[in-house]
């Protein structure tokens, strides 16, 4: 997987976890606190701003960890 694949996967996971942990539908055994819904909001805002600025803070971390930036690098 390349950097952008990791970013999409991690963002999707965090949105799902924020919704699962923050949404109380009466019988949700994973409900912790409604403030977990803010996690989904923050991830969404980060993705929204990255659409305009083309800068993703997580991208710098993944590159430093050695994740390839393009599929050509991977070969």
N, C-alpha and C. Protein backbone atom coordinates (compact mmCIF):
# COMPACT_ATOMS: atom_id res chain seq x y z
N UNK A 1 0.84 -1.19 0.00
CA UNK A 1 0.00 0.00 0.00
C UNK A 1 0.88 1.24 0.00
N UNK A 2 0.42 2.26 -0.72
CA UNK A 2 1.15 3.52 -0.76
C UNK A 2 0.54 4.51 0.23
N UNK A 3 1.15 5.67 0.36
CA UNK A 3 0.75 6.65 1.38
C UNK A 3 -0.74 6.98 1.30
N UNK A 4 -1.24 7.30 0.11
CA UNK A 4 -2.64 7.72 -0.01
C UNK A 4 -3.60 6.58 0.37
N UNK A 5 -3.22 5.35 0.08
CA UNK A 5 -4.04 4.20 0.49
C UNK A 5 -4.12 4.11 2.01
N UNK A 6 -2.97 4.30 2.67
CA UNK A 6 -2.95 4.26 4.13
C UNK A 6 -3.79 5.38 4.72
N UNK A 7 -3.69 6.58 4.13
CA UNK A 7 -4.46 7.72 4.63
C UNK A 7 -5.95 7.45 4.53
N UNK A 8 -6.40 6.94 3.39
CA UNK A 8 -7.83 6.63 3.23
C UNK A 8 -8.27 5.54 4.20
N UNK A 9 -7.45 4.52 4.38
CA UNK A 9 -7.81 3.41 5.28
C UNK A 9 -7.89 3.88 6.74
N UNK A 10 -6.91 4.64 7.17
CA UNK A 10 -6.91 5.12 8.55
C UNK A 10 -8.05 6.09 8.79
N UNK A 11 -8.30 7.00 7.84
CA UNK A 11 -9.40 7.96 7.99
C UNK A 11 -10.74 7.23 8.06
N UNK A 12 -10.95 6.26 7.19
CA UNK A 12 -12.19 5.49 7.23
C UNK A 12 -12.37 4.75 8.54
N UNK A 13 -11.29 4.15 9.03
CA UNK A 13 -11.36 3.44 10.30
C UNK A 13 -11.71 4.38 11.44
N UNK A 14 -11.09 5.56 11.48
CA UNK A 14 -11.36 6.52 12.56
C UNK A 14 -12.78 7.05 12.51
N UNK A 15 -13.32 7.27 11.32
CA UNK A 15 -14.70 7.73 11.19
C UNK A 15 -15.65 6.66 11.72
N UNK A 16 -15.43 5.42 11.31
CA UNK A 16 -16.29 4.32 11.77
C UNK A 16 -16.20 4.15 13.28
N UNK A 17 -14.98 4.19 13.84
CA UNK A 17 -14.82 4.04 15.28
C UNK A 17 -15.47 5.20 16.04
N UNK A 18 -15.35 6.41 15.52
CA UNK A 18 -15.98 7.56 16.15
C UNK A 18 -17.49 7.41 16.21
N UNK A 19 -18.07 6.90 15.12
CA UNK A 19 -19.52 6.70 15.09
C UNK A 19 -19.95 5.55 16.00
N UNK A 20 -19.21 4.46 15.97
CA UNK A 20 -19.57 3.30 16.81
C UNK A 20 -19.47 3.64 18.29
N UNK A 21 -18.40 4.32 18.68
CA UNK A 21 -18.19 4.63 20.09
C UNK A 21 -19.03 5.81 20.58
N UNK A 22 -19.53 6.64 19.66
CA UNK A 22 -20.25 7.83 20.08
C UNK A 22 -21.74 7.82 19.87
N UNK A 23 -22.26 6.85 19.12
CA UNK A 23 -23.69 6.83 18.80
C UNK A 23 -24.41 5.87 19.74
N UNK A 24 -25.33 6.42 20.52
CA UNK A 24 -26.10 5.60 21.47
C UNK A 24 -27.48 5.34 20.89
N UNK A 25 -27.67 4.14 20.37
CA UNK A 25 -28.97 3.79 19.78
C UNK A 25 -29.78 2.92 20.73
N UNK A 26 -29.46 2.94 21.99
CA UNK A 26 -30.20 2.16 22.97
C UNK A 26 -29.58 0.83 23.28
N UNK A 27 -29.16 0.10 22.27
CA UNK A 27 -28.60 -1.22 22.51
C UNK A 27 -27.18 -1.37 22.02
N UNK A 28 -26.51 -0.28 21.76
CA UNK A 28 -25.14 -0.34 21.25
C UNK A 28 -24.19 -0.74 22.38
N UNK A 29 -23.63 -1.95 22.33
CA UNK A 29 -22.74 -2.39 23.42
C UNK A 29 -21.38 -1.68 23.40
N UNK A 30 -21.07 -0.98 22.31
CA UNK A 30 -19.77 -0.31 22.19
C UNK A 30 -19.84 1.17 22.56
N UNK A 31 -21.03 1.66 22.87
CA UNK A 31 -21.18 3.09 23.19
C UNK A 31 -20.34 3.46 24.40
N UNK A 32 -19.56 4.52 24.28
CA UNK A 32 -18.72 5.00 25.38
C UNK A 32 -19.17 6.39 25.81
N UNK A 33 -19.15 7.34 24.87
CA UNK A 33 -19.52 8.72 25.19
C UNK A 33 -19.84 9.45 23.89
N UNK A 34 -20.82 10.35 23.91
CA UNK A 34 -21.18 11.06 22.67
C UNK A 34 -20.05 11.94 22.12
N UNK A 35 -19.08 12.29 22.94
CA UNK A 35 -17.97 13.10 22.44
C UNK A 35 -17.12 12.36 21.41
N UNK A 36 -17.25 11.06 21.32
CA UNK A 36 -16.53 10.32 20.29
C UNK A 36 -17.02 10.70 18.89
N UNK A 37 -18.21 11.28 18.79
CA UNK A 37 -18.68 11.77 17.50
C UNK A 37 -17.80 12.90 16.98
N UNK A 38 -17.14 13.62 17.89
CA UNK A 38 -16.21 14.68 17.48
C UNK A 38 -15.03 14.11 16.71
N UNK A 39 -14.65 12.87 16.99
CA UNK A 39 -13.57 12.23 16.25
C UNK A 39 -13.91 12.17 14.76
N UNK A 40 -15.13 11.76 14.45
CA UNK A 40 -15.56 11.70 13.05
C UNK A 40 -15.57 13.10 12.44
N UNK A 41 -16.01 14.09 13.20
CA UNK A 41 -16.04 15.46 12.71
C UNK A 41 -14.63 15.97 12.42
N UNK A 42 -13.69 15.71 13.31
CA UNK A 42 -12.32 16.18 13.11
C UNK A 42 -11.65 15.50 11.92
N UNK A 43 -11.88 14.22 11.74
CA UNK A 43 -11.32 13.51 10.59
C UNK A 43 -11.91 14.09 9.30
N UNK A 44 -13.21 14.33 9.30
CA UNK A 44 -13.86 14.92 8.13
C UNK A 44 -13.33 16.31 7.82
N UNK A 45 -13.13 17.13 8.85
CA UNK A 45 -12.58 18.47 8.63
C UNK A 45 -11.15 18.41 8.10
N UNK A 46 -10.36 17.47 8.59
CA UNK A 46 -8.99 17.31 8.11
C UNK A 46 -8.99 16.91 6.63
N UNK A 47 -9.85 15.99 6.25
CA UNK A 47 -9.93 15.59 4.84
C UNK A 47 -10.42 16.74 3.98
N UNK A 48 -11.37 17.52 4.49
CA UNK A 48 -11.91 18.67 3.77
C UNK A 48 -10.82 19.72 3.51
N UNK A 49 -10.06 20.07 4.55
CA UNK A 49 -9.01 21.08 4.37
C UNK A 49 -7.89 20.56 3.48
N UNK A 50 -7.62 19.27 3.51
CA UNK A 50 -6.56 18.73 2.66
C UNK A 50 -6.94 18.78 1.19
N UNK A 51 -8.24 18.84 0.91
CA UNK A 51 -8.68 19.00 -0.47
C UNK A 51 -8.30 20.35 -1.04
N UNK A 52 -8.21 21.36 -0.19
CA UNK A 52 -7.84 22.70 -0.64
C UNK A 52 -6.34 22.95 -0.56
N UNK A 53 -5.72 22.48 0.51
CA UNK A 53 -4.31 22.80 0.75
C UNK A 53 -3.36 21.75 0.19
N UNK A 54 -3.87 20.57 -0.11
CA UNK A 54 -3.04 19.44 -0.58
C UNK A 54 -1.98 19.04 0.44
N UNK A 55 -2.20 19.38 1.71
CA UNK A 55 -1.28 19.00 2.78
C UNK A 55 -2.02 18.14 3.79
N UNK A 56 -1.45 17.00 4.09
CA UNK A 56 -2.04 16.09 5.07
C UNK A 56 -0.95 15.80 6.10
N UNK A 57 -1.16 16.21 7.36
CA UNK A 57 -0.13 15.99 8.38
C UNK A 57 0.27 14.52 8.52
N UNK A 58 -0.68 13.64 8.38
CA UNK A 58 -0.40 12.21 8.52
C UNK A 58 0.53 11.72 7.41
N UNK A 59 0.49 12.37 6.25
CA UNK A 59 1.33 11.98 5.13
C UNK A 59 2.81 12.08 5.49
N UNK A 60 3.19 13.15 6.18
CA UNK A 60 4.59 13.33 6.57
C UNK A 60 5.06 12.21 7.49
N UNK A 61 4.20 11.82 8.43
CA UNK A 61 4.54 10.74 9.35
C UNK A 61 4.71 9.41 8.61
N UNK A 62 3.79 9.12 7.69
CA UNK A 62 3.87 7.86 6.95
C UNK A 62 5.12 7.80 6.08
N UNK A 63 5.49 8.92 5.47
CA UNK A 63 6.70 8.95 4.64
C UNK A 63 7.93 8.71 5.51
N UNK A 64 7.96 9.32 6.70
CA UNK A 64 9.10 9.10 7.61
C UNK A 64 9.17 7.66 8.08
N UNK A 65 8.02 6.98 8.13
CA UNK A 65 7.99 5.57 8.53
C UNK A 65 8.38 4.64 7.38
N UNK A 66 8.59 5.21 6.19
CA UNK A 66 9.06 4.41 5.07
C UNK A 66 7.99 3.90 4.13
N UNK A 67 6.79 4.41 4.22
CA UNK A 67 5.72 4.00 3.31
C UNK A 67 5.99 4.66 1.96
N UNK A 68 5.97 3.88 0.86
CA UNK A 68 6.24 4.47 -0.46
C UNK A 68 5.16 5.48 -0.87
N UNK A 69 5.61 6.55 -1.59
CA UNK A 69 4.69 7.59 -2.01
C UNK A 69 3.95 7.24 -3.30
N UNK A 70 4.55 6.41 -4.12
CA UNK A 70 3.90 6.05 -5.39
C UNK A 70 4.10 4.57 -5.67
N UNK A 71 3.33 4.07 -6.59
CA UNK A 71 3.42 2.65 -6.93
C UNK A 71 4.74 2.34 -7.64
N UNK A 72 5.32 3.30 -8.35
CA UNK A 72 6.59 3.08 -9.04
C UNK A 72 7.73 2.88 -8.04
N UNK A 73 7.67 3.60 -6.91
CA UNK A 73 8.69 3.44 -5.87
C UNK A 73 8.65 2.05 -5.27
N UNK A 74 7.47 1.48 -5.23
CA UNK A 74 7.26 0.21 -4.55
C UNK A 74 7.94 -0.95 -5.27
N UNK A 75 8.09 -0.85 -6.58
CA UNK A 75 8.61 -1.97 -7.39
C UNK A 75 10.06 -2.19 -7.20
